[in-house]
Amino acid sequence: MLGKLITMNKEDIENLKNIAREKLKRGFTREEALQSLIRAGILDENENFTEPYKHLGEAVKRLSKK
């Protein structure tokens, strides 16, 4: 069981997006970005958000619709 649930606020999400954009500008491929997120435990091997980051997946979906 999780001792302490960590949630991300809007600033955290924006920071993650900015980091991703910078890595892509430097030639970080989509595959490298995905592998990095998988190693960090944010995504699983099927490229789905892991349980602690499900809310991030929902935020990405909402932002993608805009």
C-alpha atoms as a PDB file:
ATOM      1  CA  MET A   1       0.000   0.000   0.000  1.00  0.00           C
ATOM      2  CA  LEU A   2       1.211   3.479  -0.735  1.00  0.00           C
ATOM      3  CA  GLY A   3       2.353   5.285   2.357  1.00  0.00           C
ATOM      4  CA  LYS A   4       1.870   8.688   0.825  1.00  0.00           C
ATOM      5  CA  LEU A   5       0.100   9.452  -2.432  1.00  0.00           C
ATOM      6  CA  ILE A   6       1.941  11.992  -4.544  1.00  0.00           C
ATOM      7  CA  THR A   7      -0.170  14.205  -6.755  1.00  0.00           C
ATOM      8  CA  MET A   8       0.936  16.637  -9.397  1.00  0.00           C
ATOM      9  CA  ASN A   9      -0.405  20.146  -9.655  1.00  0.00           C
ATOM     10  CA  LYS A  10      -0.679  22.266 -12.821  1.00  0.00           C
ATOM     11  CA  GLU A  11       2.836  23.636 -12.322  1.00  0.00           C
ATOM     12  CA  ASP A  12       4.276  20.095 -12.080  1.00  0.00           C
ATOM     13  CA  ILE A  13       2.505  19.101 -15.289  1.00  0.00           C
ATOM     14  CA  GLU A  14       3.749  22.206 -17.093  1.00  0.00           C
ATOM     15  CA  ASN A  15       7.289  21.499 -15.897  1.00  0.00           C
ATOM     16  CA  LEU A  16       7.074  17.948 -17.238  1.00  0.00           C
ATOM     17  CA  LYS A  17       5.780  19.215 -20.568  1.00  0.00           C
ATOM     18  CA  ASN A  18       8.593  21.776 -20.775  1.00  0.00           C
ATOM     19  CA  ILE A  19      11.215  19.126 -20.020  1.00  0.00           C
ATOM     20  CA  ALA A  20       9.750  16.912 -22.749  1.00  0.00           C
ATOM     21  CA  ARG A  21       9.763  19.784 -25.258  1.00  0.00           C
ATOM     22  CA  GLU A  22      13.398  20.616 -24.496  1.00  0.00           C
ATOM     23  CA  LYS A  23      14.455  16.996 -24.878  1.00  0.00           C
ATOM     24  CA  LEU A  24      12.660  16.789 -28.219  1.00  0.00           C
ATOM     25  CA  LYS A  25      14.366  20.001 -29.395  1.00  0.00           C
ATOM     26  CA  ARG A  26      17.737  18.400 -28.619  1.00  0.00           C
ATOM     27  CA  GLY A  27      16.935  15.432 -30.802  1.00  0.00           C
ATOM     28  CA  PHE A  28      15.383  13.182 -28.183  1.00  0.00           C
ATOM     29  CA  THR A  29      13.303  10.736 -30.213  1.00  0.00           C
ATOM     30  CA  ARG A  30       9.772   9.682 -29.353  1.00  0.00           C
ATOM     31  CA  GLU A  31      11.075   6.209 -28.496  1.00  0.00           C
ATOM     32  CA  GLU A  32      13.740   7.636 -26.165  1.00  0.00           C
ATOM     33  CA  ALA A  33      11.114   9.817 -24.480  1.00  0.00           C
ATOM     34  CA  LEU A  34       8.796   6.840 -24.009  1.00  0.00           C
ATOM     35  CA  GLN A  35      11.601   4.687 -22.609  1.00  0.00           C
ATOM     36  CA  SER A  36      12.516   7.461 -20.186  1.00  0.00           C
ATOM     37  CA  LEU A  37       8.904   7.665 -18.951  1.00  0.00           C
ATOM     38  CA  ILE A  38       8.758   3.874 -18.640  1.00  0.00           C
ATOM     39  CA  ARG A  39      12.018   3.763 -16.660  1.00  0.00           C
ATOM     40  CA  ALA A  40      10.662   6.495 -14.381  1.00  0.00           C
ATOM     41  CA  GLY A  41       7.549   4.410 -13.736  1.00  0.00           C
ATOM     42  CA  ILE A  42       5.209   6.989 -15.241  1.00  0.00           C
ATOM     43  CA  LEU A  43       4.211   4.745 -18.152  1.00  0.00           C
ATOM     44  CA  ASP A  44       3.974   0.971 -18.309  1.00  0.00           C
ATOM     45  CA  GLU A  45       5.349  -1.171 -21.137  1.00  0.00           C
ATOM     46  CA  ASN A  46       2.095  -0.634 -23.081  1.00  0.00           C
ATOM     47  CA  GLU A  47       2.557   3.162 -22.900  1.00  0.00           C
ATOM     48  CA  ASN A  48      -0.312   3.561 -20.419  1.00  0.00           C
ATOM     49  CA  PHE A  49       0.033   5.765 -17.358  1.00  0.00           C
ATOM     50  CA  THR A  50       0.762   3.767 -14.214  1.00  0.00           C
ATOM     51  CA  GLU A  51      -1.633   4.004 -11.273  1.00  0.00           C
ATOM     52  CA  PRO A  52       0.082   6.913  -9.454  1.00  0.00           C
ATOM     53  CA  TYR A  53       0.010   8.939 -12.701  1.00  0.00           C
ATOM     54  CA  LYS A  54      -3.484   8.126 -13.991  1.00  0.00           C
ATOM     55  CA  HIS A  55      -4.536  11.704 -13.215  1.00  0.00           C
ATOM     56  CA  LEU A  56      -1.725  12.945 -15.463  1.00  0.00           C
ATOM     57  CA  GLY A  57      -3.108  10.849 -18.304  1.00  0.00           C
ATOM     58  CA  GLU A  58      -6.518  12.451 -17.825  1.00  0.00           C
ATOM     59  CA  ALA A  59      -4.943  15.920 -17.828  1.00  0.00           C
ATOM     60  CA  VAL A  60      -3.078  15.149 -21.055  1.00  0.00           C
ATOM     61  CA  LYS A  61      -6.328  14.001 -22.684  1.00  0.00           C
ATOM     62  CA  ARG A  62      -8.103  17.199 -21.636  1.00  0.00           C
ATOM     63  CA  LEU A  63      -5.266  19.406 -22.840  1.00  0.00           C
ATOM     64  CA  SER A  64      -5.047  17.544 -26.134  1.00  0.00           C
ATOM     65  CA  LYS A  65      -8.665  18.393 -26.894  1.00  0.00           C
ATOM     66  CA  LYS A  66      -7.988  22.136 -26.649  1.00  0.00           C
END
